């Protein structure tokens, strides 16, 4: 995934702008959904750094503590 000059994030393979899409995430057998940017052609998902290090990290710690 790359950012173009107009700050849209595009798929590195297909050069298509990513679109918001409801995405199913799975961690240690637990499924949950989040609205993330995804390539409309190949389905590759972009997870922003802030989300990965913030909310998703919190979910990871919570699930590992169970």
PDB file of N, CA and C in Angstrom:
ATOM      1  N   UNK A   1       0.846  -1.167   0.000  1.00  0.00           N
ATOM      2  CA  UNK A   1       0.000   0.000   0.000  1.00  0.00           C
ATOM      3  C   UNK A   1       0.896   1.235   0.000  1.00  0.00           C
ATOM      4  N   UNK A   2       0.551   2.185  -0.805  1.00  0.00           N
ATOM      5  CA  UNK A   2       1.329   3.415  -0.887  1.00  0.00           C
ATOM      6  C   UNK A   2       0.399   4.613  -0.840  1.00  0.00           C
ATOM      7  N   UNK A   3       0.947   5.747  -0.398  1.00  0.00           N
ATOM      8  CA  UNK A   3       0.179   6.979  -0.389  1.00  0.00           C
ATOM      9  C   UNK A   3       0.563   7.780  -1.617  1.00  0.00           C
ATOM     10  N   UNK A   4      -0.434   8.246  -2.342  1.00  0.00           N
ATOM     11  CA  UNK A   4      -0.165   9.074  -3.513  1.00  0.00           C
ATOM     12  C   UNK A   4      -0.037  10.531  -3.087  1.00  0.00           C
ATOM     13  N   UNK A   5       0.243  11.413  -4.034  1.00  0.00           N
ATOM     14  CA  UNK A   5       0.438  12.828  -3.723  1.00  0.00           C
ATOM     15  C   UNK A   5      -0.799  13.482  -3.125  1.00  0.00           C
ATOM     16  N   UNK A   6      -2.003  13.022  -3.481  1.00  0.00           N
ATOM     17  CA  UNK A   6      -3.205  13.649  -2.935  1.00  0.00           C
ATOM     18  C   UNK A   6      -3.637  12.996  -1.624  1.00  0.00           C
ATOM     19  N   UNK A   7      -2.737  12.254  -0.984  1.00  0.00           N
ATOM     20  CA  UNK A   7      -2.930  11.652   0.329  1.00  0.00           C
ATOM     21  C   UNK A   7      -3.915  10.491   0.362  1.00  0.00           C
ATOM     22  N   UNK A   8      -4.402  10.034  -0.784  1.00  0.00           N
ATOM     23  CA  UNK A   8      -5.220   8.827  -0.789  1.00  0.00           C
ATOM     24  C   UNK A   8      -4.275   7.640  -0.712  1.00  0.00           C
ATOM     25  N   UNK A   9      -4.716   6.598  -0.076  1.00  0.00           N
ATOM     26  CA  UNK A   9      -3.900   5.395  -0.002  1.00  0.00           C
ATOM     27  C   UNK A   9      -4.357   4.478  -1.123  1.00  0.00           C
ATOM     28  N   UNK A  10      -3.390   3.974  -1.886  1.00  0.00           N
ATOM     29  CA  UNK A  10      -3.708   3.126  -3.029  1.00  0.00           C
ATOM     30  C   UNK A  10      -3.048   1.765  -2.869  1.00  0.00           C
ATOM     31  N   UNK A  11      -3.631   0.761  -3.505  1.00  0.00           N
ATOM     32  CA  UNK A  11      -3.084  -0.586  -3.497  1.00  0.00           C
ATOM     33  C   UNK A  11      -1.779  -0.600  -4.299  1.00  0.00           C
ATOM     34  N   UNK A  12      -0.733  -1.153  -3.728  1.00  0.00           N
ATOM     35  CA  UNK A  12       0.558  -1.220  -4.400  1.00  0.00           C
ATOM     36  C   UNK A  12       0.538  -2.103  -5.629  1.00  0.00           C
ATOM     37  N   UNK A  13      -0.303  -3.112  -5.648  1.00  0.00           N
ATOM     38  CA  UNK A  13      -0.371  -4.026  -6.781  1.00  0.00           C
ATOM     39  C   UNK A  13      -1.246  -3.488  -7.903  1.00  0.00           C
ATOM     40  N   UNK A  14      -2.431  -2.977  -7.574  1.00  0.00           N
ATOM     41  CA  UNK A  14      -3.417  -2.593  -8.580  1.00  0.00           C
ATOM     42  C   UNK A  14      -3.523  -1.091  -8.794  1.00  0.00           C
ATOM     43  N   UNK A  15      -2.864  -0.299  -7.968  1.00  0.00           N
ATOM     44  CA  UNK A  15      -2.900   1.164  -8.069  1.00  0.00           C
ATOM     45  C   UNK A  15      -4.315   1.727  -8.010  1.00  0.00           C
ATOM     46  N   UNK A  16      -5.176   1.056  -7.258  1.00  0.00           N
ATOM     47  CA  UNK A  16      -6.546   1.506  -7.055  1.00  0.00           C
ATOM     48  C   UNK A  16      -6.646   2.141  -5.676  1.00  0.00           C
ATOM     49  N   UNK A  17      -7.437   3.214  -5.540  1.00  0.00           N
ATOM     50  CA  UNK A  17      -7.621   3.800  -4.211  1.00  0.00           C
ATOM     51  C   UNK A  17      -8.367   2.836  -3.302  1.00  0.00           C
ATOM     52  N   UNK A  18      -7.936   2.781  -2.056  1.00  0.00           N
ATOM     53  CA  UNK A  18      -8.591   1.923  -1.082  1.00  0.00           C
ATOM     54  C   UNK A  18      -9.908   2.556  -0.654  1.00  0.00           C
ATOM     55  N   UNK A  19     -10.868   1.713  -0.335  1.00  0.00           N
ATOM     56  CA  UNK A  19     -12.192   2.179   0.072  1.00  0.00           C
ATOM     57  C   UNK A  19     -12.527   1.606   1.440  1.00  0.00           C
ATOM     58  N   UNK A  20     -13.304   2.353   2.222  1.00  0.00           N
ATOM     59  CA  UNK A  20     -13.764   1.844   3.518  1.00  0.00           C
ATOM     60  C   UNK A  20     -14.636   0.616   3.303  1.00  0.00           C
ATOM     61  N   UNK A  21     -14.378  -0.402   4.086  1.00  0.00           N
ATOM     62  CA  UNK A  21     -15.162  -1.631   3.988  1.00  0.00           C
ATOM     63  C   UNK A  21     -15.204  -2.313   5.353  1.00  0.00           C
ATOM     64  N   UNK A  22     -16.349  -2.891   5.657  1.00  0.00           N
ATOM     65  CA  UNK A  22     -16.472  -3.676   6.880  1.00  0.00           C
ATOM     66  C   UNK A  22     -15.585  -4.905   6.710  1.00  0.00           C
ATOM     67  N   UNK A  23     -14.683  -5.107   7.660  1.00  0.00           N
ATOM     68  CA  UNK A  23     -13.678  -6.156   7.544  1.00  0.00           C
ATOM     69  C   UNK A  23     -13.706  -7.044   8.776  1.00  0.00           C
ATOM     70  N   UNK A  24     -13.718  -8.351   8.565  1.00  0.00           N
ATOM     71  CA  UNK A  24     -13.688  -9.299   9.682  1.00  0.00           C
ATOM     72  C   UNK A  24     -12.240  -9.549  10.069  1.00  0.00           C
ATOM     73  N   UNK A  25     -11.950  -9.368  11.339  1.00  0.00           N
ATOM     74  CA  UNK A  25     -10.631  -9.628  11.893  1.00  0.00           C
ATOM     75  C   UNK A  25     -10.738 -10.822  12.824  1.00  0.00           C
ATOM     76  N   UNK A  26      -9.694 -11.642  12.855  1.00  0.00           N
ATOM     77  CA  UNK A  26      -9.666 -12.810  13.725  1.00  0.00           C
ATOM     78  C   UNK A  26      -8.354 -12.820  14.491  1.00  0.00           C
ATOM     79  N   UNK A  27      -8.459 -13.038  15.794  1.00  0.00           N
ATOM     80  CA  UNK A  27      -7.264 -13.167  16.615  1.00  0.00           C
ATOM     81  C   UNK A  27      -7.528 -14.257  17.644  1.00  0.00           C
ATOM     82  N   UNK A  28      -6.688 -15.272  17.646  1.00  0.00           N
ATOM     83  CA  UNK A  28      -6.798 -16.417  18.544  1.00  0.00           C
ATOM     84  C   UNK A  28      -8.215 -16.982  18.567  1.00  0.00           C
ATOM     85  N   UNK A  29      -8.799 -17.114  17.390  1.00  0.00           N
ATOM     86  CA  UNK A  29     -10.112 -17.722  17.257  1.00  0.00           C
ATOM     87  C   UNK A  29     -11.284 -16.810  17.560  1.00  0.00           C
ATOM     88  N   UNK A  30     -11.025 -15.565  17.936  1.00  0.00           N
ATOM     89  CA  UNK A  30     -12.089 -14.606  18.228  1.00  0.00           C
ATOM     90  C   UNK A  30     -12.264 -13.696  17.017  1.00  0.00           C
ATOM     91  N   UNK A  31     -13.501 -13.603  16.516  1.00  0.00           N
ATOM     92  CA  UNK A  31     -13.802 -12.765  15.360  1.00  0.00           C
ATOM     93  C   UNK A  31     -14.421 -11.454  15.800  1.00  0.00           C
ATOM     94  N   UNK A  32     -14.054 -10.371  15.126  1.00  0.00           N
ATOM     95  CA  UNK A  32     -14.702  -9.078  15.335  1.00  0.00           C
ATOM     96  C   UNK A  32     -14.599  -8.299  14.033  1.00  0.00           C
ATOM     97  N   UNK A  33     -15.430  -7.276  13.898  1.00  0.00           N
ATOM     98  CA  UNK A  33     -15.454  -6.495  12.671  1.00  0.00           C
ATOM     99  C   UNK A  33     -14.986  -5.081  12.930  1.00  0.00           C
ATOM    100  N   UNK A  34     -14.375  -4.498  11.895  1.00  0.00           N
ATOM    101  CA  UNK A  34     -13.926  -3.115  11.950  1.00  0.00           C
ATOM    102  C   UNK A  34     -14.054  -2.520  10.552  1.00  0.00           C
ATOM    103  N   UNK A  35     -14.251  -1.226  10.488  1.00  0.00           N
ATOM    104  CA  UNK A  35     -14.301  -0.511   9.219  1.00  0.00           C
ATOM    105  C   UNK A  35     -12.871  -0.102   8.882  1.00  0.00           C
ATOM    106  N   UNK A  36     -12.304  -0.710   7.835  1.00  0.00           N
ATOM    107  CA  UNK A  36     -10.922  -0.445   7.441  1.00  0.00           C
ATOM    108  C   UNK A  36     -10.842  -0.170   5.950  1.00  0.00           C
ATOM    109  N   UNK A  37      -9.726   0.416   5.531  1.00  0.00           N
ATOM    110  CA  UNK A  37      -9.490   0.635   4.109  1.00  0.00           C
ATOM    111  C   UNK A  37      -9.081  -0.685   3.463  1.00  0.00           C
ATOM    112  N   UNK A  38      -9.691  -0.966   2.302  1.00  0.00           N
ATOM    113  CA  UNK A  38      -9.420  -2.235   1.619  1.00  0.00           C
ATOM    114  C   UNK A  38      -9.408  -2.016   0.116  1.00  0.00           C
ATOM    115  N   UNK A  39      -8.548  -2.754  -0.587  1.00  0.00           N
ATOM    116  CA  UNK A  39      -8.499  -2.690  -2.049  1.00  0.00           C
ATOM    117  C   UNK A  39      -9.761  -3.339  -2.611  1.00  0.00           C
ATOM    118  N   UNK A  40     -10.458  -2.639  -3.515  1.00  0.00           N
ATOM    119  CA  UNK A  40     -11.687  -3.200  -4.067  1.00  0.00           C
ATOM    120  C   UNK A  40     -11.444  -4.386  -5.003  1.00  0.00           C
ATOM    121  N   UNK A  41     -10.199  -4.555  -5.473  1.00  0.00           N
ATOM    122  CA  UNK A  41      -9.921  -5.652  -6.403  1.00  0.00           C
ATOM    123  C   UNK A  41      -9.351  -6.886  -5.699  1.00  0.00           C
ATOM    124  N   UNK A  42      -8.302  -6.707  -4.919  1.00  0.00           N
ATOM    125  CA  UNK A  42      -7.647  -7.880  -4.309  1.00  0.00           C
ATOM    126  C   UNK A  42      -8.042  -8.108  -2.849  1.00  0.00           C
ATOM    127  N   UNK A  43      -8.651  -7.094  -2.212  1.00  0.00           N
ATOM    128  CA  UNK A  43      -9.098  -7.267  -0.834  1.00  0.00           C
ATOM    129  C   UNK A  43      -8.037  -7.006   0.220  1.00  0.00           C
ATOM    130  N   UNK A  44      -6.819  -6.627  -0.194  1.00  0.00           N
ATOM    131  CA  UNK A  44      -5.769  -6.322   0.777  1.00  0.00           C
ATOM    132  C   UNK A  44      -6.238  -5.199   1.694  1.00  0.00           C
ATOM    133  N   UNK A  45      -6.015  -5.356   3.003  1.00  0.00           N
ATOM    134  CA  UNK A  45      -6.490  -4.404   4.003  1.00  0.00           C
ATOM    135  C   UNK A  45      -5.329  -3.552   4.499  1.00  0.00           C
ATOM    136  N   UNK A  46      -5.597  -2.269   4.707  1.00  0.00           N
ATOM    137  CA  UNK A  46      -4.630  -1.352   5.291  1.00  0.00           C
ATOM    138  C   UNK A  46      -5.035  -1.082   6.731  1.00  0.00           C
ATOM    139  N   UNK A  47      -4.129  -1.392   7.666  1.00  0.00           N
ATOM    140  CA  UNK A  47      -4.368  -1.123   9.082  1.00  0.00           C
ATOM    141  C   UNK A  47      -3.442   0.027   9.469  1.00  0.00           C
ATOM    142  N   UNK A  48      -4.012   1.199   9.769  1.00  0.00           N
ATOM    143  CA  UNK A  48      -3.172   2.341  10.151  1.00  0.00           C
ATOM    144  C   UNK A  48      -2.356   2.036  11.401  1.00  0.00           C
ATOM    145  N   UNK A  49      -1.176   2.619  11.481  1.00  0.00           N
ATOM    146  CA  UNK A  49      -0.281   2.372  12.609  1.00  0.00           C
ATOM    147  C   UNK A  49      -0.948   2.693  13.939  1.00  0.00           C
ATOM    148  N   UNK A  50      -1.669   3.791  14.004  1.00  0.00           N
ATOM    149  CA  UNK A  50      -2.321   4.177  15.254  1.00  0.00           C
ATOM    150  C   UNK A  50      -3.311   3.136  15.738  1.00  0.00           C
ATOM    151  N   UNK A  51      -4.053   2.542  14.807  1.00  0.00           N
ATOM    152  CA  UNK A  51      -5.012   1.499  15.170  1.00  0.00           C
ATOM    153  C   UNK A  51      -4.284   0.229  15.602  1.00  0.00           C
ATOM    154  N   UNK A  52      -3.243  -0.145  14.870  1.00  0.00           N
ATOM    155  CA  UNK A  52      -2.499  -1.366  15.194  1.00  0.00           C
ATOM    156  C   UNK A  52      -1.827  -1.267  16.562  1.00  0.00           C
ATOM    157  N   UNK A  53      -1.274  -0.101  16.879  1.00  0.00           N
ATOM    158  CA  UNK A  53      -0.565   0.057  18.148  1.00  0.00           C
ATOM    159  C   UNK A  53      -1.488   0.481  19.280  1.00  0.00           C
ATOM    160  N   UNK A  54      -2.699   0.901  18.942  1.00  0.00           N
ATOM    161  CA  UNK A  54      -3.646   1.352  19.948  1.00  0.00           C
ATOM    162  C   UNK A  54      -4.704   0.317  20.246  1.00  0.00           C
ATOM    163  N   UNK A  55      -5.850   0.470  19.603  1.00  0.00           N
ATOM    164  CA  UNK A  55      -7.018  -0.353  19.906  1.00  0.00           C
ATOM    165  C   UNK A  55      -6.764  -1.839  19.653  1.00  0.00           C
ATOM    166  N   UNK A  56      -6.167  -2.195  18.520  1.00  0.00           N
ATOM    167  CA  UNK A  56      -5.925  -3.614  18.237  1.00  0.00           C
ATOM    168  C   UNK A  56      -4.951  -4.218  19.236  1.00  0.00           C
ATOM    169  N   UNK A  57      -3.978  -3.446  19.665  1.00  0.00           N
ATOM    170  CA  UNK A  57      -3.039  -3.938  20.670  1.00  0.00           C
ATOM    171  C   UNK A  57      -3.754  -4.181  22.003  1.00  0.00           C
ATOM    172  N   UNK A  58      -4.689  -3.291  22.351  1.00  0.00           N
ATOM    173  CA  UNK A  58      -5.471  -3.471  23.576  1.00  0.00           C
ATOM    174  C   UNK A  58      -6.304  -4.751  23.503  1.00  0.00           C
ATOM    175  N   UNK A  59      -6.919  -4.998  22.345  1.00  0.00           N
ATOM    176  CA  UNK A  59      -7.720  -6.219  22.164  1.00  0.00           C
ATOM    177  C   UNK A  59      -6.817  -7.447  22.289  1.00  0.00           C
ATOM    178  N   UNK A  60      -5.642  -7.387  21.680  1.00  0.00           N
ATOM    179  CA  UNK A  60      -4.686  -8.491  21.746  1.00  0.00           C
ATOM    180  C   UNK A  60      -4.322  -8.810  23.201  1.00  0.00           C
ATOM    181  N   UNK A  61      -4.024  -7.794  23.985  1.00  0.00           N
ATOM    182  CA  UNK A  61      -3.656  -8.003  25.387  1.00  0.00           C
ATOM    183  C   UNK A  61      -4.824  -8.576  26.165  1.00  0.00           C
ATOM    184  N   UNK A  62      -6.022  -8.049  25.933  1.00  0.00           N
ATOM    185  CA  UNK A  62      -7.221  -8.545  26.635  1.00  0.00           C
ATOM    186  C   UNK A  62      -7.457 -10.014  26.338  1.00  0.00           C
ATOM    187  N   UNK A  63      -7.332 -10.401  25.069  1.00  0.00           N
ATOM    188  CA  UNK A  63      -7.581 -11.799  24.689  1.00  0.00           C
ATOM    189  C   UNK A  63      -6.496 -12.720  25.233  1.00  0.00           C
ATOM    190  N   UNK A  64      -5.270 -12.249  25.289  1.00  0.00           N
ATOM    191  CA  UNK A  64      -4.191 -13.088  25.806  1.00  0.00           C
ATOM    192  C   UNK A  64      -4.297 -13.271  27.312  1.00  0.00           C
ATOM    193  N   UNK A  65      -4.925 -12.317  28.005  1.00  0.00           N
ATOM    194  CA  UNK A  65      -5.078 -12.424  29.460  1.00  0.00           C
ATOM    195  C   UNK A  65      -6.153 -13.423  29.855  1.00  0.00           C
ATOM    196  N   UNK A  66      -7.015 -13.812  28.903  1.00  0.00           N
ATOM    197  CA  UNK A  66      -8.111 -14.743  29.217  1.00  0.00           C
ATOM    198  C   UNK A  66      -7.622 -16.150  29.340  1.00  0.00           C
TER     199      UNK A  66
END
